[in-house]
PDB file of N, CA and C in Angstrom:
ATOM      1  N   GLN A   1     -48.154  34.439 -11.148  1.00  0.00           N
ATOM      2  CA  GLN A   1     -47.550  33.162 -10.431  1.00  0.00           C
ATOM      3  C   GLN A   1     -48.529  33.088  -9.298  1.00  0.00           C
ATOM      4  N   CYS A   2     -48.871  34.079  -8.555  1.00  0.00           N
ATOM      5  CA  CYS A   2     -49.940  33.873  -7.476  1.00  0.00           C
ATOM      6  C   CYS A   2     -51.207  33.356  -7.910  1.00  0.00           C
ATOM      7  N   ASP A   3     -51.602  33.973  -9.063  1.00  0.00           N
ATOM      8  CA  ASP A   3     -52.827  33.410  -9.687  1.00  0.00           C
ATOM      9  C   ASP A   3     -52.880  31.893  -9.971  1.00  0.00           C
ATOM     10  N   MET A   4     -51.731  31.562 -10.441  1.00  0.00           N
ATOM     11  CA  MET A   4     -51.647  30.202 -10.672  1.00  0.00           C
ATOM     12  C   MET A   4     -51.674  29.265  -9.501  1.00  0.00           C
ATOM     13  N   ALA A   5     -50.971  29.727  -8.386  1.00  0.00           N
ATOM     14  CA  ALA A   5     -50.993  29.040  -7.164  1.00  0.00           C
ATOM     15  C   ALA A   5     -52.404  28.858  -6.460  1.00  0.00           C
ATOM     16  N   ILE A   6     -53.150  29.937  -6.621  1.00  0.00           N
ATOM     17  CA  ILE A   6     -54.613  29.910  -6.036  1.00  0.00           C
ATOM     18  C   ILE A   6     -55.476  28.948  -6.868  1.00  0.00           C
ATOM     19  N   THR A   7     -55.211  29.071  -8.229  1.00  0.00           N
ATOM     20  CA  THR A   7     -56.070  28.142  -9.144  1.00  0.00           C
ATOM     21  C   THR A   7     -55.691  26.730  -8.761  1.00  0.00           C
ATOM     22  N   ASP A   8     -54.449  26.388  -8.747  1.00  0.00           N
ATOM     23  CA  ASP A   8     -54.061  25.059  -8.391  1.00  0.00           C
ATOM     24  C   ASP A   8     -54.924  24.465  -7.005  1.00  0.00           C
ATOM     25  N   ILE A   9     -54.727  25.381  -6.076  1.00  0.00           N
ATOM     26  CA  ILE A   9     -55.279  25.116  -4.668  1.00  0.00           C
ATOM     27  C   ILE A   9     -56.742  24.879  -4.791  1.00  0.00           C
ATOM     28  N   LEU A  10     -57.493  25.746  -5.438  1.00  0.00           N
ATOM     29  CA  LEU A  10     -58.966  25.618  -5.683  1.00  0.00           C
ATOM     30  C   LEU A  10     -59.294  24.415  -6.411  1.00  0.00           C
ATOM     31  N   GLY A  11     -58.396  24.122  -7.333  1.00  0.00           N
ATOM     32  CA  GLY A  11     -58.658  22.935  -8.238  1.00  0.00           C
ATOM     33  C   GLY A  11     -58.597  21.665  -7.462  1.00  0.00           C
ATOM     34  N   GLU A  12     -57.739  21.633  -6.363  1.00  0.00           N
ATOM     35  CA  GLU A  12     -57.482  20.347  -5.529  1.00  0.00           C
ATOM     36  C   GLU A  12     -58.575  20.258  -4.345  1.00  0.00           C
ATOM     37  N   LEU A  13     -59.403  21.192  -4.172  1.00  0.00           N
ATOM     38  CA  LEU A  13     -60.488  20.908  -3.228  1.00  0.00           C
ATOM     39  C   LEU A  13     -61.430  19.807  -3.524  1.00  0.00           C
ATOM     40  N   GLN A  14     -61.682  19.231  -2.292  1.00  0.00           N
ATOM     41  CA  GLN A  14     -62.412  17.962  -2.491  1.00  0.00           C
ATOM     42  C   GLN A  14     -63.634  18.110  -1.565  1.00  0.00           C
ATOM     43  N   CYS A  15     -64.689  17.186  -1.520  1.00  0.00           N
ATOM     44  CA  CYS A  15     -65.819  17.182  -0.906  1.00  0.00           C
ATOM     45  C   CYS A  15     -65.493  16.806   0.488  1.00  0.00           C
ATOM     46  N   ASP A  16     -66.216  17.224   1.652  1.00  0.00           N
ATOM     47  CA  ASP A  16     -65.899  16.806   3.075  1.00  0.00           C
ATOM     48  C   ASP A  16     -66.036  15.294   3.083  1.00  0.00           C
ATOM     49  N   PRO A  17     -64.910  14.652   3.545  1.00  0.00           N
ATOM     50  CA  PRO A  17     -65.110  13.186   3.833  1.00  0.00           C
ATOM     51  C   PRO A  17     -65.915  12.817   4.904  1.00  0.00           C
ATOM     52  N   TRP A  18     -66.283  13.665   5.859  1.00  0.00           N
ATOM     53  CA  TRP A  18     -67.220  13.414   6.923  1.00  0.00           C
ATOM     54  C   TRP A  18     -68.590  13.806   6.684  1.00  0.00           C
ATOM     55  N   PRO A  19     -69.446  13.020   6.110  1.00  0.00           N
ATOM     56  CA  PRO A  19     -70.730  13.407   6.013  1.00  0.00           C
ATOM     57  C   PRO A  19     -71.598  13.772   7.339  1.00  0.00           C
ATOM     58  N   VAL A  20     -72.496  14.742   7.381  1.00  0.00           N
ATOM     59  CA  VAL A  20     -73.278  15.096   8.466  1.00  0.00           C
ATOM     60  C   VAL A  20     -74.542  14.303   8.568  1.00  0.00           C
ATOM     61  N   ALA A  21     -74.822  13.581   9.717  1.00  0.00           N
ATOM     62  CA  ALA A  21     -75.911  12.909   9.964  1.00  0.00           C
ATOM     63  C   ALA A  21     -77.217  13.880   9.494  1.00  0.00           C
ATOM     64  N   GLN A  22     -78.187  13.215   8.973  1.00  0.00           N
ATOM     65  CA  GLN A  22     -79.500  14.012   8.943  1.00  0.00           C
ATOM     66  C   GLN A  22     -80.057  14.279  10.179  1.00  0.00           C
ATOM     67  N   GLY A  23     -80.600  15.776  10.225  1.00  0.00           N
ATOM     68  CA  GLY A  23     -81.095  16.350  11.374  1.00  0.00           C
ATOM     69  C   GLY A  23     -80.167  17.008  12.335  1.00  0.00           C
ATOM     70  N   HIS A  24     -78.871  16.919  11.890  1.00  0.00           N
ATOM     71  CA  HIS A  24     -77.657  17.536  12.642  1.00  0.00           C
ATOM     72  C   HIS A  24     -76.942  18.454  11.841  1.00  0.00           C
ATOM     73  N   ARG A  25     -76.212  19.468  12.718  1.00  0.00           N
ATOM     74  CA  ARG A  25     -75.389  20.345  12.082  1.00  0.00           C
ATOM     75  C   ARG A  25     -73.961  19.884  12.089  1.00  0.00           C
ATOM     76  N   PRO A  26     -73.153  20.300  11.180  1.00  0.00           N
ATOM     77  CA  PRO A  26     -71.801  19.838  11.079  1.00  0.00           C
ATOM     78  C   PRO A  26     -71.035  20.213  12.331  1.00  0.00           C
ATOM     79  N   LEU A  27     -70.211  19.412  12.953  1.00  0.00           N
ATOM     80  CA  LEU A  27     -69.405  19.636  14.063  1.00  0.00           C
ATOM     81  C   LEU A  27     -68.227  20.590  13.683  1.00  0.00           C
ATOM     82  N   ARG A  28     -68.461  21.907  14.432  1.00  0.00           N
ATOM     83  CA  ARG A  28     -67.532  22.982  14.174  1.00  0.00           C
ATOM     84  C   ARG A  28     -66.823  23.358  15.458  1.00  0.00           C
ATOM     85  N   SER A  29     -65.484  23.289  15.445  1.00  0.00           N
ATOM     86  CA  SER A  29     -64.866  23.684  16.734  1.00  0.00           C
ATOM     87  C   SER A  29     -64.116  25.058  16.614  1.00  0.00           C
ATOM     88  N   THR A  30     -64.858  26.062  16.164  1.00  0.00           N
ATOM     89  CA  THR A  30     -64.310  27.375  15.900  1.00  0.00           C
ATOM     90  C   THR A  30     -63.500  28.001  17.098  1.00  0.00           C
ATOM     91  N   GLY A  31     -64.183  27.799  18.211  1.00  0.00           N
ATOM     92  CA  GLY A  31     -63.764  28.411  19.412  1.00  0.00           C
ATOM     93  C   GLY A  31     -62.116  27.809  19.727  1.00  0.00           C
ATOM     94  N   VAL A  32     -62.157  26.409  19.584  1.00  0.00           N
ATOM     95  CA  VAL A  32     -60.794  25.877  19.731  1.00  0.00           C
ATOM     96  C   VAL A  32     -59.753  26.279  18.729  1.00  0.00           C
ATOM     97  N   ALA A  33     -60.217  26.263  17.407  1.00  0.00           N
ATOM     98  CA  ALA A  33     -59.437  26.552  16.379  1.00  0.00           C
ATOM     99  C   ALA A  33     -58.731  28.028  16.493  1.00  0.00           C
ATOM    100  N   LEU A  34     -59.663  29.004  16.847  1.00  0.00           N
ATOM    101  CA  LEU A  34     -59.227  30.396  17.266  1.00  0.00           C
ATOM    102  C   LEU A  34     -58.169  30.505  18.335  1.00  0.00           C
ATOM    103  N   SER A  35     -58.581  29.650  19.386  1.00  0.00           N
ATOM    104  CA  SER A  35     -57.684  29.687  20.554  1.00  0.00           C
ATOM    105  C   SER A  35     -56.327  29.106  20.379  1.00  0.00           C
ATOM    106  N   VAL A  36     -56.150  28.076  19.372  1.00  0.00           N
ATOM    107  CA  VAL A  36     -54.920  27.562  19.010  1.00  0.00           C
ATOM    108  C   VAL A  36     -54.250  28.417  18.247  1.00  0.00           C
ATOM    109  N   ALA A  37     -54.916  29.262  17.340  1.00  0.00           N
ATOM    110  CA  ALA A  37     -54.154  30.261  16.431  1.00  0.00           C
ATOM    111  C   ALA A  37     -53.658  31.411  17.251  1.00  0.00           C
ATOM    112  N   VAL A  38     -54.505  31.878  18.228  1.00  0.00           N
ATOM    113  CA  VAL A  38     -54.006  32.966  19.165  1.00  0.00           C
ATOM    114  C   VAL A  38     -52.714  32.653  19.967  1.00  0.00           C
ATOM    115  N   GLY A  39     -52.835  31.335  20.580  1.00  0.00           N
ATOM    116  CA  GLY A  39     -51.721  30.726  21.140  1.00  0.00           C
ATOM    117  C   GLY A  39     -50.361  30.719  20.692  1.00  0.00           C
ATOM    118  N   LEU A  40     -50.515  30.064  19.130  1.00  0.00           N
ATOM    119  CA  LEU A  40     -49.443  29.926  18.266  1.00  0.00           C
ATOM    120  C   LEU A  40     -48.798  31.371  18.159  1.00  0.00           C
ATOM    121  N   LEU A  41     -49.590  32.333  17.862  1.00  0.00           N
ATOM    122  CA  LEU A  41     -49.064  33.623  17.468  1.00  0.00           C
ATOM    123  C   LEU A  41     -48.346  34.249  18.660  1.00  0.00           C
ATOM    124  N   GLU A  42     -49.047  34.089  19.913  1.00  0.00           N
ATOM    125  CA  GLU A  42     -48.466  34.753  21.054  1.00  0.00           C
ATOM    126  C   GLU A  42     -47.068  33.974  21.409  1.00  0.00           C
ATOM    127  N   SER A  43     -47.073  32.839  21.176  1.00  0.00           N
ATOM    128  CA  SER A  43     -45.880  32.181  21.520  1.00  0.00           C
ATOM    129  C   SER A  43     -44.431  32.460  20.507  1.00  0.00           C
ATOM    130  N   THR A  44     -45.012  32.549  19.178  1.00  0.00           N
ATOM    131  CA  THR A  44     -43.864  32.530  18.169  1.00  0.00           C
ATOM    132  C   THR A  44     -43.617  34.061  17.700  1.00  0.00           C
ATOM    133  N   TYR A  45     -44.669  34.810  17.847  1.00  0.00           N
ATOM    134  CA  TYR A  45     -44.403  36.134  17.574  1.00  0.00           C
ATOM    135  C   TYR A  45     -44.967  37.263  18.507  1.00  0.00           C
ATOM    136  N   PRO A  46     -44.463  37.193  19.833  1.00  0.00           N
ATOM    137  CA  PRO A  46     -44.937  38.080  20.800  1.00  0.00           C
ATOM    138  C   PRO A  46     -44.649  39.578  20.502  1.00  0.00           C
ATOM    139  N   ASN A  47     -45.634  40.540  20.650  1.00  0.00           N
ATOM    140  CA  ASN A  47     -45.465  41.885  20.342  1.00  0.00           C
ATOM    141  C   ASN A  47     -44.870  42.161  19.089  1.00  0.00           C
ATOM    142  N   THR A  48     -45.442  41.541  18.193  1.00  0.00           N
ATOM    143  CA  THR A  48     -45.247  41.743  16.701  1.00  0.00           C
ATOM    144  C   THR A  48     -46.492  41.772  15.998  1.00  0.00           C
ATOM    145  N   GLY A  49     -46.816  42.607  15.138  1.00  0.00           N
ATOM    146  CA  GLY A  49     -48.019  42.546  14.361  1.00  0.00           C
ATOM    147  C   GLY A  49     -48.170  41.458  13.576  1.00  0.00           C
ATOM    148  N   ALA A  50     -49.234  40.755  13.701  1.00  0.00           N
ATOM    149  CA  ALA A  50     -49.619  39.614  13.037  1.00  0.00           C
ATOM    150  C   ALA A  50     -51.200  39.568  12.683  1.00  0.00           C
ATOM    151  N   ARG A  51     -51.676  38.674  11.844  1.00  0.00           N
ATOM    152  CA  ARG A  51     -53.068  38.674  11.497  1.00  0.00           C
ATOM    153  C   ARG A  51     -53.503  37.207  11.619  1.00  0.00           C
ATOM    154  N   ILE A  52     -54.592  36.863  12.020  1.00  0.00           N
ATOM    155  CA  ILE A  52     -55.287  35.552  11.975  1.00  0.00           C
ATOM    156  C   ILE A  52     -56.455  35.860  11.127  1.00  0.00           C
ATOM    157  N   MET A  53     -56.671  34.860  10.007  1.00  0.00           N
ATOM    158  CA  MET A  53     -57.974  35.016   9.084  1.00  0.00           C
ATOM    159  C   MET A  53     -58.679  33.823   9.293  1.00  0.00           C
ATOM    160  N   MET A  54     -59.852  34.117   9.894  1.00  0.00           N
ATOM    161  CA  MET A  54     -60.741  32.992  10.098  1.00  0.00           C
ATOM    162  C   MET A  54     -62.021  33.072   9.144  1.00  0.00           C
ATOM    163  N   PHE A  55     -62.208  31.964   8.343  1.00  0.00           N
ATOM    164  CA  PHE A  55     -63.272  31.891   7.472  1.00  0.00           C
ATOM    165  C   PHE A  55     -64.253  30.844   8.097  1.00  0.00           C
ATOM    166  N   VAL A  56     -65.647  31.445   8.371  1.00  0.00           N
ATOM    167  CA  VAL A  56     -66.482  30.768   9.108  1.00  0.00           C
ATOM    168  C   VAL A  56     -67.672  30.313   8.148  1.00  0.00           C
ATOM    169  N   GLY A  57     -67.908  28.903   8.227  1.00  0.00           N
ATOM    170  CA  GLY A  57     -69.221  28.641   7.429  1.00  0.00           C
ATOM    171  C   GLY A  57     -70.275  28.145   8.222  1.00  0.00           C
ATOM    172  N   GLY A  58     -70.405  28.516   9.478  1.00  0.00           N
ATOM    173  CA  GLY A  58     -71.619  28.255  10.320  1.00  0.00           C
ATOM    174  C   GLY A  58     -71.263  28.406  11.825  1.00  0.00           C
ATOM    175  N   ALA A  59     -72.243  28.118  12.603  1.00  0.00           N
ATOM    176  CA  ALA A  59     -72.164  28.320  13.912  1.00  0.00           C
ATOM    177  C   ALA A  59     -71.254  27.340  14.713  1.00  0.00           C
ATOM    178  N   CYS A  60     -70.419  27.596  15.663  1.00  0.00           N
ATOM    179  CA  CYS A  60     -69.607  26.812  16.514  1.00  0.00           C
ATOM    180  C   CYS A  60     -70.413  25.917  17.290  1.00  0.00           C
ATOM    181  N   THR A  61     -70.402  24.540  17.175  1.00  0.00           N
ATOM    182  CA  THR A  61     -71.330  23.529  17.729  1.00  0.00           C
ATOM    183  C   THR A  61     -70.758  22.625  18.704  1.00  0.00           C
ATOM    184  N   GLN A  62     -69.448  22.829  18.956  1.00  0.00           N
ATOM    185  CA  GLN A  62     -68.801  22.027  20.056  1.00  0.00           C
ATOM    186  C   GLN A  62     -67.580  22.682  20.594  1.00  0.00           C
ATOM    187  N   GLY A  63     -67.358  22.334  21.854  1.00  0.00           N
ATOM    188  CA  GLY A  63     -66.125  22.969  22.674  1.00  0.00           C
ATOM    189  C   GLY A  63     -66.328  24.413  23.131  1.00  0.00           C
ATOM    190  N   PRO A  64     -65.265  24.883  23.540  1.00  0.00           N
ATOM    191  CA  PRO A  64     -65.462  26.376  23.914  1.00  0.00           C
ATOM    192  C   PRO A  64     -65.868  27.271  22.810  1.00  0.00           C
ATOM    193  N   GLY A  65     -66.660  28.273  23.134  1.00  0.00           N
ATOM    194  CA  GLY A  65     -67.167  29.032  22.033  1.00  0.00           C
ATOM    195  C   GLY A  65     -68.468  28.669  21.487  1.00  0.00           C
ATOM    196  N   MET A  66     -68.901  27.455  21.753  1.00  0.00           N
ATOM    197  CA  MET A  66     -70.100  26.877  21.229  1.00  0.00           C
ATOM    198  C   MET A  66     -71.338  27.669  21.383  1.00  0.00           C
ATOM    199  N   ILE A  67     -72.135  27.962  20.315  1.00  0.00           N
ATOM    200  CA  ILE A  67     -73.228  28.790  20.595  1.00  0.00           C
ATOM    201  C   ILE A  67     -74.592  28.030  20.370  1.00  0.00           C
ATOM    202  N   VAL A  68     -74.517  26.916  19.811  1.00  0.00           N
ATOM    203  CA  VAL A  68     -75.612  25.899  19.675  1.00  0.00           C
ATOM    204  C   VAL A  68     -75.226  24.466  19.447  1.00  0.00           C
ATOM    205  N   ASP A  69     -76.019  23.561  19.952  1.00  0.00           N
ATOM    206  CA  ASP A  69     -75.357  22.117  19.735  1.00  0.00           C
ATOM    207  C   ASP A  69     -75.715  21.659  18.283  1.00  0.00           C
ATOM    208  N   ASN A  70     -75.329  20.466  18.177  1.00  0.00           N
ATOM    209  CA  ASN A  70     -75.500  20.033  16.538  1.00  0.00           C
ATOM    210  C   ASN A  70     -76.700  19.517  16.195  1.00  0.00           C
ATOM    211  N   ASP A  71     -77.704  19.360  17.119  1.00  0.00           N
ATOM    212  CA  ASP A  71     -79.019  18.888  16.934  1.00  0.00           C
ATOM    213  C   ASP A  71     -79.877  20.042  16.229  1.00  0.00           C
ATOM    214  N   LEU A  72     -80.291  19.864  15.056  1.00  0.00           N
ATOM    215  CA  LEU A  72     -81.099  20.794  14.314  1.00  0.00           C
ATOM    216  C   LEU A  72     -82.520  21.062  14.962  1.00  0.00           C
ATOM    217  N   LYS A  73     -83.000  20.217  16.004  1.00  0.00           N
ATOM    218  CA  LYS A  73     -84.125  20.428  16.640  1.00  0.00           C
ATOM    219  C   LYS A  73     -83.981  21.749  17.440  1.00  0.00           C
ATOM    220  N   ASN A  74     -82.762  21.888  18.046  1.00  0.00           N
ATOM    221  CA  ASN A  74     -82.588  23.220  18.880  1.00  0.00           C
ATOM    222  C   ASN A  74     -82.028  24.483  17.853  1.00  0.00           C
ATOM    223  N   THR A  75     -82.944  25.392  17.812  1.00  0.00           N
ATOM    224  CA  THR A  75     -82.640  26.349  16.961  1.00  0.00           C
ATOM    225  C   THR A  75     -81.681  27.440  17.421  1.00  0.00           C
ATOM    226  N   LEU A  76     -81.030  28.040  16.407  1.00  0.00           N
ATOM    227  CA  LEU A  76     -79.930  29.168  16.845  1.00  0.00           C
ATOM    228  C   LEU A  76     -80.599  30.203  17.642  1.00  0.00           C
ATOM    229  N   ARG A  77     -80.116  30.645  18.590  1.00  0.00           N
ATOM    230  CA  ARG A  77     -80.682  31.836  19.276  1.00  0.00           C
ATOM    231  C   ARG A  77     -80.966  32.966  18.525  1.00  0.00           C
ATOM    232  N   SER A  78     -81.892  33.778  18.706  1.00  0.00           N
ATOM    233  CA  SER A  78     -82.435  35.086  18.110  1.00  0.00           C
ATOM    234  C   SER A  78     -81.934  36.282  18.979  1.00  0.00           C
ATOM    235  N   HIS A  79     -82.320  37.248  18.273  1.00  0.00           N
ATOM    236  CA  HIS A  79     -82.007  38.464  19.051  1.00  0.00           C
ATOM    237  C   HIS A  79     -83.018  38.685  20.237  1.00  0.00           C
ATOM    238  N   HIS A  80     -84.141  38.162  20.044  1.00  0.00           N
ATOM    239  CA  HIS A  80     -85.000  38.187  21.244  1.00  0.00           C
ATOM    240  C   HIS A  80     -84.443  37.301  22.487  1.00  0.00           C
ATOM    241  N   ASP A  81     -83.859  36.184  21.996  1.00  0.00           N
ATOM    242  CA  ASP A  81     -83.301  35.276  23.205  1.00  0.00           C
ATOM    243  C   ASP A  81     -82.248  35.967  23.867  1.00  0.00           C
ATOM    244  N   LEU A  82     -81.355  36.747  23.152  1.00  0.00           N
ATOM    245  CA  LEU A  82     -80.179  37.373  23.650  1.00  0.00           C
ATOM    246  C   LEU A  82     -80.692  38.569  24.613  1.00  0.00           C
ATOM    247  N   GLU A  83     -81.769  39.243  24.233  1.00  0.00           N
ATOM    248  CA  GLU A  83     -82.278  40.361  24.947  1.00  0.00           C
ATOM    249  C   GLU A  83     -83.060  39.908  26.335  1.00  0.00           C
ATOM    250  N   ARG A  84     -83.562  38.780  26.311  1.00  0.00           N
ATOM    251  CA  ARG A  84     -84.398  38.121  27.436  1.00  0.00           C
ATOM    252  C   ARG A  84     -83.360  37.319  28.302  1.00  0.00           C
ATOM    253  N   ASP A  85     -81.945  37.280  27.834  1.00  0.00           N
ATOM    254  CA  ASP A  85     -81.118  36.425  28.583  1.00  0.00           C
ATOM    255  C   ASP A  85     -81.698  34.892  28.552  1.00  0.00           C
ATOM    256  N   ASN A  86     -82.076  34.437  27.468  1.00  0.00           N
ATOM    257  CA  ASN A  86     -82.726  33.049  27.213  1.00  0.00           C
ATOM    258  C   ASN A  86     -81.869  32.444  26.162  1.00  0.00           C
ATOM    259  N   ALA A  87     -80.549  32.591  25.931  1.00  0.00           N
ATOM    260  CA  ALA A  87     -79.667  31.923  25.074  1.00  0.00           C
ATOM    261  C   ALA A  87     -78.814  31.119  25.796  1.00  0.00           C
ATOM    262  N   ARG A  88     -78.985  29.790  25.686  1.00  0.00           N
ATOM    263  CA  ARG A  88     -78.213  28.837  26.494  1.00  0.00           C
ATOM    264  C   ARG A  88     -76.713  28.833  26.563  1.00  0.00           C
ATOM    265  N   TYR A  89     -76.030  28.836  25.412  1.00  0.00           N
ATOM    266  CA  TYR A  89     -74.738  28.862  25.342  1.00  0.00           C
ATOM    267  C   TYR A  89     -73.795  30.347  25.450  1.00  0.00           C
ATOM    268  N   VAL A  90     -74.618  31.350  25.247  1.00  0.00           N
ATOM    269  CA  VAL A  90     -74.073  32.700  25.113  1.00  0.00           C
ATOM    270  C   VAL A  90     -73.019  33.193  26.199  1.00  0.00           C
ATOM    271  N   LYS A  91     -73.489  32.988  27.587  1.00  0.00           N
ATOM    272  CA  LYS A  91     -72.469  33.595  28.357  1.00  0.00           C
ATOM    273  C   LYS A  91     -70.998  32.847  28.360  1.00  0.00           C
ATOM    274  N   LYS A  92     -71.076  31.544  28.239  1.00  0.00           N
ATOM    275  CA  LYS A  92     -69.809  30.864  28.113  1.00  0.00           C
ATOM    276  C   LYS A  92     -69.044  31.175  26.978  1.00  0.00           C
ATOM    277  N   ALA A  93     -69.803  31.291  25.850  1.00  0.00           N
ATOM    278  CA  ALA A  93     -69.162  31.542  24.548  1.00  0.00           C
ATOM    279  C   ALA A  93     -68.449  33.184  24.474  1.00  0.00           C
ATOM    280  N   VAL A  94     -69.319  34.023  25.087  1.00  0.00           N
ATOM    281  CA  VAL A  94     -68.869  35.337  25.108  1.00  0.00           C
ATOM    282  C   VAL A  94     -67.500  35.421  26.149  1.00  0.00           C
ATOM    283  N   LYS A  95     -67.520  34.746  27.229  1.00  0.00           N
ATOM    284  CA  LYS A  95     -66.479  34.658  28.164  1.00  0.00           C
ATOM    285  C   LYS A  95     -65.128  34.098  27.247  1.00  0.00           C
ATOM    286  N   HIS A  96     -65.524  32.942  26.521  1.00  0.00           N
ATOM    287  CA  HIS A  96     -64.315  32.483  25.919  1.00  0.00           C
ATOM    288  C   HIS A  96     -63.690  33.364  24.667  1.00  0.00           C
ATOM    289  N   TYR A  97     -64.549  33.992  23.949  1.00  0.00           N
ATOM    290  CA  TYR A  97     -63.989  34.860  22.879  1.00  0.00           C
ATOM    291  C   TYR A  97     -63.533  36.153  23.518  1.00  0.00           C
ATOM    292  N   GLU A  98     -64.077  36.759  24.534  1.00  0.00           N
ATOM    293  CA  GLU A  98     -63.432  37.911  25.237  1.00  0.00           C
ATOM    294  C   GLU A  98     -62.086  37.560  25.826  1.00  0.00           C
ATOM    295  N   GLY A  99     -61.938  36.470  26.238  1.00  0.00           N
ATOM    296  CA  GLY A  99     -60.649  35.867  26.723  1.00  0.00           C
ATOM    297  C   GLY A  99     -59.533  35.900  25.385  1.00  0.00           C
ATOM    298  N   LEU A 100     -60.139  35.611  24.213  1.00  0.00           N
ATOM    299  CA  LEU A 100     -59.167  35.616  23.221  1.00  0.00           C
ATOM    300  C   LEU A 100     -58.778  36.942  22.543  1.00  0.00           C
ATOM    301  N   ALA A 101     -59.476  37.821  23.134  1.00  0.00           N
ATOM    302  CA  ALA A 101     -59.205  39.464  22.622  1.00  0.00           C
ATOM    303  C   ALA A 101     -57.870  39.845  23.366  1.00  0.00           C
ATOM    304  N   ARG A 102     -57.239  38.853  24.013  1.00  0.00           N
ATOM    305  CA  ARG A 102     -55.922  39.297  24.625  1.00  0.00           C
ATOM    306  C   ARG A 102     -55.091  39.452  23.368  1.00  0.00           C
ATOM    307  N   ALA A 103     -55.140  38.847  22.318  1.00  0.00           N
ATOM    308  CA  ALA A 103     -54.371  38.804  21.022  1.00  0.00           C
ATOM    309  C   ALA A 103     -54.049  40.200  20.755  1.00  0.00           C
ATOM    310  N   ALA A 104     -54.977  41.209  21.100  1.00  0.00           N
ATOM    311  CA  ALA A 104     -54.790  42.586  20.633  1.00  0.00           C
ATOM    312  C   ALA A 104     -53.529  43.199  21.550  1.00  0.00           C
ATOM    313  N   HIS A 105     -53.317  42.703  22.589  1.00  0.00           N
ATOM    314  CA  HIS A 105     -52.256  43.309  23.412  1.00  0.00           C
ATOM    315  C   HIS A 105     -50.776  42.832  22.962  1.00  0.00           C
ATOM    316  N   SER A 106     -50.900  41.830  21.986  1.00  0.00           N
ATOM    317  CA  SER A 106     -49.491  41.506  21.298  1.00  0.00           C
ATOM    318  C   SER A 106     -49.421  42.248  19.940  1.00  0.00           C
ATOM    319  N   GLY A 107     -50.530  42.933  19.478  1.00  0.00           N
ATOM    320  CA  GLY A 107     -50.489  43.446  18.218  1.00  0.00           C
ATOM    321  C   GLY A 107     -50.941  42.542  17.116  1.00  0.00           C
ATOM    322  N   HIS A 108     -51.795  41.607  17.598  1.00  0.00           N
ATOM    323  CA  HIS A 108     -52.354  40.645  16.785  1.00  0.00           C
ATOM    324  C   HIS A 108     -53.909  40.975  16.249  1.00  0.00           C
ATOM    325  N   THR A 109     -54.261  40.752  15.151  1.00  0.00           N
ATOM    326  CA  THR A 109     -55.510  41.213  14.720  1.00  0.00           C
ATOM    327  C   THR A 109     -56.147  39.884  14.263  1.00  0.00           C
ATOM    328  N   ILE A 110     -57.639  39.762  14.399  1.00  0.00           N
ATOM    329  CA  ILE A 110     -58.380  38.621  14.037  1.00  0.00           C
ATOM    330  C   ILE A 110     -59.407  39.066  13.128  1.00  0.00           C
ATOM    331  N   ASP A 111     -59.293  38.718  11.777  1.00  0.00           N
ATOM    332  CA  ASP A 111     -60.311  38.876  10.771  1.00  0.00           C
ATOM    333  C   ASP A 111     -61.117  37.661  10.746  1.00  0.00           C
ATOM    334  N   ILE A 112     -62.509  37.941  10.603  1.00  0.00           N
ATOM    335  CA  ILE A 112     -63.480  36.901  10.770  1.00  0.00           C
ATOM    336  C   ILE A 112     -64.334  37.211   9.419  1.00  0.00           C
ATOM    337  N   TYR A 113     -64.272  36.138   8.369  1.00  0.00           N
ATOM    338  CA  TYR A 113     -65.049  36.352   7.234  1.00  0.00           C
ATOM    339  C   TYR A 113     -66.236  35.360   7.409  1.00  0.00           C
ATOM    340  N   SER A 114     -67.361  35.702   7.225  1.00  0.00           N
ATOM    341  CA  SER A 114     -68.620  35.016   7.431  1.00  0.00           C
ATOM    342  C   SER A 114     -69.612  35.455   6.487  1.00  0.00           C
ATOM    343  N   CYS A 115     -70.564  34.751   6.067  1.00  0.00           N
ATOM    344  CA  CYS A 115     -71.560  35.151   5.087  1.00  0.00           C
ATOM    345  C   CYS A 115     -72.688  35.856   5.836  1.00  0.00           C
ATOM    346  N   ALA A 116     -72.997  35.357   7.058  1.00  0.00           N
ATOM    347  CA  ALA A 116     -74.028  35.980   7.821  1.00  0.00           C
ATOM    348  C   ALA A 116     -73.718  35.944   9.353  1.00  0.00           C
ATOM    349  N   MET A 117     -73.407  37.009  10.047  1.00  0.00           N
ATOM    350  CA  MET A 117     -72.994  37.142  11.316  1.00  0.00           C
ATOM    351  C   MET A 117     -73.853  36.523  12.260  1.00  0.00           C
ATOM    352  N   ASP A 118     -75.368  36.660  12.065  1.00  0.00           N
ATOM    353  CA  ASP A 118     -76.199  36.140  13.012  1.00  0.00           C
ATOM    354  C   ASP A 118     -76.340  34.492  12.890  1.00  0.00           C
ATOM    355  N   GLN A 119     -75.950  34.106  11.705  1.00  0.00           N
ATOM    356  CA  GLN A 119     -75.895  32.595  11.480  1.00  0.00           C
ATOM    357  C   GLN A 119     -74.647  31.816  12.078  1.00  0.00           C
ATOM    358  N   THR A 120     -73.583  32.635  12.401  1.00  0.00           N
ATOM    359  CA  THR A 120     -72.474  31.931  13.015  1.00  0.00           C
ATOM    360  C   THR A 120     -72.469  32.219  14.537  1.00  0.00           C
ATOM    361  N   GLY A 121     -73.050  33.143  14.931  1.00  0.00           N
ATOM    362  CA  GLY A 121     -73.122  33.420  16.450  1.00  0.00           C
ATOM    363  C   GLY A 121     -71.979  34.386  16.857  1.00  0.00           C
ATOM    364  N   LEU A 122     -71.354  34.994  16.065  1.00  0.00           N
ATOM    365  CA  LEU A 122     -70.163  35.923  16.375  1.00  0.00           C
ATOM    366  C   LEU A 122     -70.492  37.320  16.376  1.00  0.00           C
TER     367      LEU A 122
END
């Protein structure tokens, strides 16, 4: 029964209706989405074990938690940039995501599924 439900869901997937302009990254509001999820769990299930599962397909490009803008001319920061404190958005993003770590105080877990951690900025 579960297998059938998953097959139906996968069969209904469609192409993204908002195409990305050439030379730009897709707009991703990962920080906002995670913040909303944490807020919902905190208000509906305080001090109860719960889990957020986040599937990430690229770097956050807008809003809180942003680590690179959507223009492809601006490269994603490298490990050398982080070491030299030369990564433009990192300090604000770290502050935002560290604030979301409060979820652990309510017994909530955040699972992040990503194909390459260095390409998503987490």
